[in-house]
Amino acid sequence: MKQNIKPSWRRRALGWLGAAALGSAVLALGLPQAAQAQQAKLLRIGYQKAANTLVLLKAHGTLEKRLQALGVEVKWAEFAAGPQLLEALNVGSIDFGYVGEAPPVFAQAAGADFVYTAYEIPTPDAEGVLVPGKSTLRSVADLKGKKVAFNKGSDVHWLVVALLKKAGLSYSDIQPVYLAPADARAAFEKGAIDAWAIWDPFQAAAEKQVGARRLASGVGAVSHHQFFLSARAFASKNAGIEKILLEEITREGQWIKSNIAQAAAQLAPIQGLESDVIETGLKRYAHVYKPIDAQVLAEQQRIADAFFELKLIPKKLNVNDAVLK
């Protein structure tokens, strides 16, 4: 087994946290036809390098072409992780961003003023708990007393909580090791941890590059939604801009869904991974988004309630407070 992670992987991995694509349902959002009345002349989008739809939307430039006709400039800001992206959203540095299901809960608990805008339909196969190929662990129940690494406050934090509950274990039955993906992979390869909860493309990369084995995926335990979020002040005043943005995201997602191999080839030099690794990850995502609805908010509420009960967030939340009325 390798003792040290390759520096090139570590540098690349620090820039990837999340993944996404998009589908046609967002076109049904029903946002006001107010593009001609928007107040902003600048749209600032936060993204992560593994957020496939936004990465390709930026590369293809179709959003800029549409908004340029309205006198609106587009600026992109890359973030290493969802928490940093949401902090930027909260302090007014960006207007729009993409994160998974757990970061908004932690951000709302910290007082961030954002609104849920759209979500990806469930993609539970796009995250899982990995163990070394020769590990004797065969089920989630076997994790009792073991060191399990994951990124604190991320989607896989919720995955671990949900999988343990399903297996009849409590959060205190394991030894959580809070590590970012780059550090977690290094620890995984060194044998310093027993298991690693992670999402794609990290998951696919570990499977293909170091022979990691999935102990469990999110299937049957979590939905693994991804969310587009907006700064409340921006969303309330710029419905027309957001409508165009979501239309372009939808079209990009439809293209990815119909051209997986081509999308992977385009993403490879940007993300610094082999095309086959990216393609595996892309196939595990749905690339279909919908407007925020009561069902997905109820699922977010369950996550918030679970984190509060575990004292992972300081107060009880009402996730409906993060919806534009």
Protein backbone atom coordinates (compact mmCIF):
# COMPACT_ATOMS: atom_id res chain seq x y z
CA MET A 1 0.00 0.00 0.00
CA LYS A 2 1.29 3.46 -0.80
CA GLN A 3 2.49 5.40 2.23
CA ASN A 4 2.09 8.89 0.86
CA ILE A 5 -0.40 10.53 -1.42
CA LYS A 6 1.01 12.03 -4.57
CA PRO A 7 1.51 15.79 -4.28
CA SER A 8 -0.31 16.38 -7.56
CA TRP A 9 -3.41 14.63 -6.23
CA ARG A 10 -3.25 16.62 -2.99
CA ARG A 11 -3.08 19.95 -4.82
CA ARG A 12 -5.94 18.99 -7.08
CA ALA A 13 -8.03 17.56 -4.28
CA LEU A 14 -7.87 20.74 -2.22
CA GLY A 15 -9.80 22.43 -5.00
CA TRP A 16 -12.60 19.89 -5.31
CA LEU A 17 -15.51 19.56 -2.91
CA GLY A 18 -18.91 18.74 -4.43
CA ALA A 19 -20.34 17.84 -7.83
CA ALA A 20 -23.28 18.70 -9.90
CA ALA A 21 -25.25 18.78 -13.09
CA LEU A 22 -28.73 19.80 -14.06
CA GLY A 23 -32.00 18.93 -15.83
CA SER A 24 -35.06 20.46 -17.34
CA ALA A 25 -37.42 20.73 -14.36
CA VAL A 26 -35.96 24.09 -13.29
CA LEU A 27 -37.63 25.63 -16.32
CA ALA A 28 -40.88 25.18 -14.44
CA LEU A 29 -39.78 27.46 -11.60
CA GLY A 30 -42.32 30.04 -12.57
CA LEU A 31 -40.10 32.98 -11.66
CA PRO A 32 -41.42 36.40 -12.68
CA GLN A 33 -40.64 37.56 -16.19
CA ALA A 34 -38.64 40.50 -14.89
CA ALA A 35 -35.32 40.34 -16.71
CA GLN A 36 -35.86 43.82 -18.06
CA ALA A 37 -36.42 45.16 -14.55
CA GLN A 38 -33.48 43.66 -12.66
CA GLN A 39 -31.51 46.07 -10.53
CA ALA A 40 -28.13 44.32 -10.57
CA LYS A 41 -25.62 44.77 -13.35
CA LEU A 42 -23.32 42.11 -11.96
CA LEU A 43 -23.92 38.42 -11.21
CA ARG A 44 -21.28 36.81 -9.00
CA ILE A 45 -21.33 33.00 -9.00
CA GLY A 46 -19.48 30.82 -6.51
CA TYR A 47 -18.51 27.33 -7.62
CA GLN A 48 -16.30 24.40 -6.72
CA LYS A 49 -14.06 22.66 -9.21
CA ALA A 50 -16.07 19.45 -8.97
CA ALA A 51 -19.39 21.23 -9.61
CA ASN A 52 -19.54 19.89 -13.13
CA THR A 53 -22.50 21.85 -14.48
CA LEU A 54 -21.19 25.22 -13.33
CA VAL A 55 -17.64 24.40 -14.44
CA LEU A 56 -18.86 23.61 -17.95
CA LEU A 57 -21.28 26.53 -18.00
CA LYS A 58 -18.34 28.81 -17.25
CA ALA A 59 -16.20 27.13 -19.90
CA HIS A 60 -18.89 27.32 -22.60
CA GLY A 61 -19.78 30.97 -21.96
CA THR A 62 -23.46 30.73 -22.90
CA LEU A 63 -24.65 32.50 -19.75
CA GLU A 64 -22.42 35.48 -20.43
CA LYS A 65 -23.81 35.80 -23.94
CA ARG A 66 -27.40 35.96 -22.74
CA LEU A 67 -26.80 38.35 -19.87
CA GLN A 68 -24.50 40.61 -21.86
CA ALA A 69 -27.51 41.63 -23.95
CA LEU A 70 -29.09 42.89 -20.71
CA GLY A 71 -25.97 44.75 -19.64
CA VAL A 72 -25.22 42.23 -16.88
CA GLU A 73 -21.64 41.12 -16.26
CA VAL A 74 -20.86 37.65 -14.88
CA LYS A 75 -17.98 37.00 -12.49
CA TRP A 76 -16.96 33.57 -11.23
CA ALA A 77 -15.26 32.77 -7.90
CA GLU A 78 -13.86 29.32 -7.12
CA PHE A 79 -14.02 27.92 -3.59
CA ALA A 80 -12.37 24.90 -2.02
CA ALA A 81 -15.44 23.88 -0.03
CA GLY A 82 -19.12 24.51 0.59
CA PRO A 83 -18.63 26.22 3.97
CA GLN A 84 -16.29 28.83 2.48
CA LEU A 85 -18.68 29.39 -0.40
CA LEU A 86 -21.58 29.93 1.96
CA GLU A 87 -19.55 32.32 4.10
CA ALA A 88 -18.84 34.37 0.97
CA LEU A 89 -22.55 34.32 0.17
CA ASN A 90 -23.36 35.49 3.68
CA VAL A 91 -20.93 38.43 3.67
CA GLY A 92 -22.06 39.59 0.23
CA SER A 93 -19.06 38.50 -1.85
CA ILE A 94 -21.13 36.31 -4.19
CA ASP A 95 -24.80 36.18 -5.19
CA PHE A 96 -25.32 32.54 -6.15
CA GLY A 97 -23.67 29.21 -5.44
CA TYR A 98 -23.93 25.44 -5.39
CA VAL A 99 -23.44 23.14 -2.38
CA GLY A 100 -24.72 19.86 -1.00
CA GLU A 101 -27.47 19.12 1.53
CA ALA A 102 -25.57 19.45 4.81
CA PRO A 103 -23.62 22.75 4.42
CA PRO A 104 -26.79 24.89 4.22
CA VAL A 105 -27.92 23.47 7.57
CA PHE A 106 -24.67 24.46 9.26
CA ALA A 107 -24.71 27.84 7.49
CA GLN A 108 -28.29 28.60 8.55
CA ALA A 109 -27.39 27.68 12.13
CA ALA A 110 -24.55 30.20 11.91
CA GLY A 111 -26.90 32.95 10.72
CA ALA A 112 -26.22 32.98 6.98
CA ASP A 113 -28.97 34.82 5.06
CA PHE A 114 -29.57 32.74 1.95
CA VAL A 115 -32.53 31.12 0.20
CA TYR A 116 -32.88 27.71 -1.41
CA THR A 117 -33.39 28.20 -5.15
CA ALA A 118 -33.34 24.74 -6.79
CA TYR A 119 -32.21 21.20 -6.02
CA GLU A 120 -30.96 18.07 -7.73
CA ILE A 121 -33.12 14.98 -7.53
CA PRO A 122 -31.64 12.25 -5.30
CA THR A 123 -28.17 10.91 -6.13
CA PRO A 124 -27.39 8.56 -3.20
CA ASP A 125 -24.98 6.45 -5.26
CA ALA A 126 -22.66 9.45 -5.64
CA GLU A 127 -21.33 9.10 -2.09
CA GLY A 128 -20.33 6.22 0.12
CA VAL A 129 -18.11 4.78 2.82
CA LEU A 130 -14.88 3.30 1.49
CA VAL A 131 -12.55 0.77 3.06
CA PRO A 132 -9.24 -0.63 1.77
CA GLY A 133 -9.66 -3.49 -0.65
CA LYS A 134 -8.21 -6.00 1.85
CA SER A 135 -10.17 -4.70 4.83
CA THR A 136 -12.00 -7.28 6.95
CA LEU A 137 -14.89 -4.84 7.46
CA ARG A 138 -17.96 -6.07 5.59
CA SER A 139 -20.87 -3.99 6.87
CA VAL A 140 -21.64 -0.66 8.51
CA ALA A 141 -22.17 -2.52 11.79
CA ASP A 142 -18.48 -3.47 11.64
CA LEU A 143 -17.56 0.21 12.01
CA LYS A 144 -18.23 0.11 15.75
CA GLY A 145 -15.15 1.40 17.54
CA LYS A 146 -13.41 2.18 14.24
CA LYS A 147 -11.87 5.39 12.94
CA VAL A 148 -14.08 6.86 10.21
CA ALA A 149 -12.83 9.93 8.36
CA PHE A 150 -15.03 12.52 6.69
CA ASN A 151 -15.27 16.24 6.08
CA LYS A 152 -17.07 17.87 9.01
CA GLY A 153 -20.25 19.68 8.01
CA SER A 154 -20.36 18.11 4.56
CA ASP A 155 -22.89 15.77 2.96
CA VAL A 156 -20.98 12.71 4.10
CA HIS A 157 -21.30 13.89 7.70
CA TRP A 158 -25.03 13.30 7.29
CA LEU A 159 -24.34 10.05 5.40
CA VAL A 160 -22.37 8.68 8.35
CA VAL A 161 -25.08 9.66 10.84
CA ALA A 162 -27.81 8.07 8.70
CA LEU A 163 -25.90 4.86 7.95
CA LEU A 164 -25.05 4.33 11.61
CA LYS A 165 -28.67 4.78 12.64
CA LYS A 166 -29.81 2.33 9.96
CA ALA A 167 -27.29 -0.21 11.26
CA GLY A 168 -28.46 0.21 14.85
CA LEU A 169 -25.39 2.17 15.94
CA SER A 170 -25.08 5.63 17.42
CA TYR A 171 -22.71 8.41 16.43
CA SER A 172 -20.73 7.77 19.62
CA ASP A 173 -20.08 4.18 18.53
CA ILE A 174 -17.42 5.29 16.05
CA GLN A 175 -14.33 7.46 16.27
CA PRO A 176 -15.01 10.39 13.90
CA VAL A 177 -11.90 11.77 12.26
CA TYR A 178 -12.63 15.14 10.69
CA LEU A 179 -10.48 15.48 7.57
CA ALA A 180 -10.80 17.30 4.26
CA PRO A 181 -10.72 15.01 1.20
CA ALA A 182 -7.01 15.47 0.48
CA ASP A 183 -5.96 14.67 4.03
CA ALA A 184 -8.49 11.86 4.31
CA ARG A 185 -7.15 10.15 1.22
CA ALA A 186 -3.60 10.43 2.56
CA ALA A 187 -4.71 8.86 5.85
CA PHE A 188 -6.66 6.21 3.95
CA GLU A 189 -3.64 5.17 1.90
CA LYS A 190 -1.40 5.08 4.98
CA GLY A 191 -3.84 2.90 6.87
CA ALA A 192 -4.28 5.53 9.58
CA ILE A 193 -8.08 5.28 9.38
CA ASP A 194 -10.39 2.32 9.01
CA ALA A 195 -12.93 3.87 6.66
CA TRP A 196 -13.51 7.03 4.66
CA ALA A 197 -16.89 8.61 3.85
CA ILE A 198 -16.57 10.55 0.60
CA TRP A 199 -18.37 11.68 -2.53
CA ASP A 200 -17.56 11.67 -6.24
CA PRO A 201 -15.19 12.32 -7.93
CA PHE A 202 -13.04 11.46 -4.87
CA GLN A 203 -14.98 8.22 -4.43
CA ALA A 204 -14.49 7.08 -8.02
CA ALA A 205 -10.83 8.14 -7.97
CA ALA A 206 -10.09 6.09 -4.84
CA GLU A 207 -11.89 3.07 -6.26
CA LYS A 208 -10.00 3.19 -9.54
CA GLN A 209 -6.59 4.38 -8.34
CA VAL A 210 -6.01 2.60 -5.02
CA GLY A 211 -8.52 -0.25 -5.10
CA ALA A 212 -10.84 1.12 -2.43
CA ARG A 213 -13.99 -0.91 -1.79
CA ARG A 214 -17.38 0.55 -1.00
CA LEU A 215 -18.64 -0.68 2.34
CA ALA A 216 -21.90 1.16 1.72
CA SER A 217 -23.31 3.84 -0.53
CA GLY A 218 -26.01 6.34 0.32
CA VAL A 219 -28.66 4.20 -1.38
CA GLY A 220 -31.43 3.41 1.07
CA ALA A 221 -30.05 5.75 3.72
CA VAL A 222 -29.92 9.30 2.34
CA SER A 223 -31.14 11.25 -0.67
CA HIS A 224 -27.93 13.20 -1.24
CA HIS A 225 -29.55 16.29 -2.71
CA GLN A 226 -27.47 19.15 -4.09
CA PHE A 227 -28.70 22.74 -3.89
CA PHE A 228 -28.42 26.01 -5.74
CA LEU A 229 -28.58 28.81 -3.17
CA SER A 230 -28.95 32.57 -3.58
CA ALA A 231 -28.24 35.51 -1.33
CA ARG A 232 -31.67 36.56 -0.11
CA ALA A 233 -31.20 40.21 -1.08
CA PHE A 234 -30.13 39.29 -4.62
CA ALA A 235 -32.92 36.76 -5.17
CA SER A 236 -35.61 39.14 -3.96
CA LYS A 237 -34.59 41.87 -6.44
CA ASN A 238 -33.31 39.97 -9.47
CA ALA A 239 -35.78 37.25 -10.39
CA GLY A 240 -35.18 37.85 -14.10
CA ILE A 241 -31.44 37.28 -13.84
CA GLU A 242 -31.98 34.13 -11.81
CA LYS A 243 -34.51 32.83 -14.31
CA ILE A 244 -31.98 33.12 -17.13
CA LEU A 245 -29.26 31.60 -14.96
CA LEU A 246 -31.38 28.58 -14.10
CA GLU A 247 -32.42 28.14 -17.73
CA GLU A 248 -28.77 28.00 -18.79
CA ILE A 249 -27.90 25.62 -15.95
CA THR A 250 -30.76 23.42 -17.07
CA ARG A 251 -29.54 23.35 -20.68
CA GLU A 252 -26.00 22.57 -19.55
CA GLY A 253 -27.26 19.71 -17.40
CA GLN A 254 -29.30 18.29 -20.27
CA TRP A 255 -26.22 18.36 -22.46
CA ILE A 256 -24.10 16.57 -19.84
CA LYS A 257 -26.76 13.89 -19.37
CA SER A 258 -26.81 13.22 -23.12
CA ASN A 259 -23.03 13.50 -23.62
CA ILE A 260 -21.38 11.92 -20.58
CA ALA A 261 -18.17 10.88 -22.34
CA GLN A 262 -17.71 14.23 -24.06
CA ALA A 263 -18.41 16.10 -20.84
CA ALA A 264 -15.86 13.97 -19.00
CA ALA A 265 -13.26 14.67 -21.68
CA GLN A 266 -13.84 18.41 -21.34
CA LEU A 267 -13.71 18.29 -17.54
CA ALA A 268 -10.55 16.17 -17.35
CA PRO A 269 -7.98 18.96 -17.97
CA ILE A 270 -9.93 21.34 -15.73
CA GLN A 271 -10.30 18.94 -12.80
CA GLY A 272 -6.98 17.18 -13.28
CA LEU A 273 -8.43 13.67 -13.29
CA GLU A 274 -8.58 10.91 -15.86
CA SER A 275 -11.66 10.98 -18.08
CA ASP A 276 -12.78 7.51 -16.99
CA VAL A 277 -12.77 8.57 -13.33
CA ILE A 278 -14.83 11.67 -14.12
CA GLU A 279 -17.19 9.63 -16.30
CA THR A 280 -17.86 7.21 -13.44
CA GLY A 281 -18.71 10.11 -11.17
CA LEU A 282 -20.92 11.79 -13.77
CA LYS A 283 -22.95 8.62 -14.18
CA ARG A 284 -23.74 8.62 -10.46
CA TYR A 285 -25.32 12.07 -10.59
CA ALA A 286 -28.80 12.76 -11.95
CA HIS A 287 -28.16 16.06 -13.79
CA VAL A 288 -31.83 16.89 -13.16
CA TYR A 289 -32.92 19.76 -10.93
CA LYS A 290 -36.27 20.93 -9.67
CA PRO A 291 -37.61 24.07 -8.00
CA ILE A 292 -37.63 23.94 -4.20
CA ASP A 293 -40.68 22.11 -2.88
CA ALA A 294 -42.17 21.01 0.43
CA GLN A 295 -40.80 17.47 0.17
CA VAL A 296 -37.15 18.45 -0.15
CA LEU A 297 -37.53 21.04 2.60
CA ALA A 298 -38.95 18.34 4.87
CA GLU A 299 -35.86 16.25 4.19
CA GLN A 300 -33.62 19.22 5.00
CA GLN A 301 -35.57 19.68 8.23
CA ARG A 302 -34.85 16.07 9.22
CA ILE A 303 -31.13 16.68 8.70
CA ALA A 304 -31.27 19.87 10.75
CA ASP A 305 -33.16 18.13 13.55
CA ALA A 306 -30.71 15.23 13.62
CA PHE A 307 -27.69 17.53 13.78
CA PHE A 308 -29.30 19.52 16.58
CA GLU A 309 -30.01 16.37 18.57
CA LEU A 310 -26.35 15.38 18.19
CA LYS A 311 -25.31 18.89 19.27
CA LEU A 312 -23.53 19.39 15.96
CA ILE A 313 -25.38 22.71 15.48
CA PRO A 314 -26.11 25.14 18.34
CA LYS A 315 -29.81 25.72 17.83
CA LYS A 316 -32.98 24.19 16.42
CA LEU A 317 -33.73 25.39 12.91
CA ASN A 318 -36.77 25.97 10.74
CA VAL A 319 -35.43 25.41 7.23
CA ASN A 320 -38.49 27.11 5.76
CA ASP A 321 -36.99 30.38 6.99
CA ALA A 322 -34.48 29.98 4.15
CA VAL A 323 -37.13 30.16 1.44
CA LEU A 324 -37.99 33.33 -0.48
CA LYS A 325 -41.57 34.19 0.36
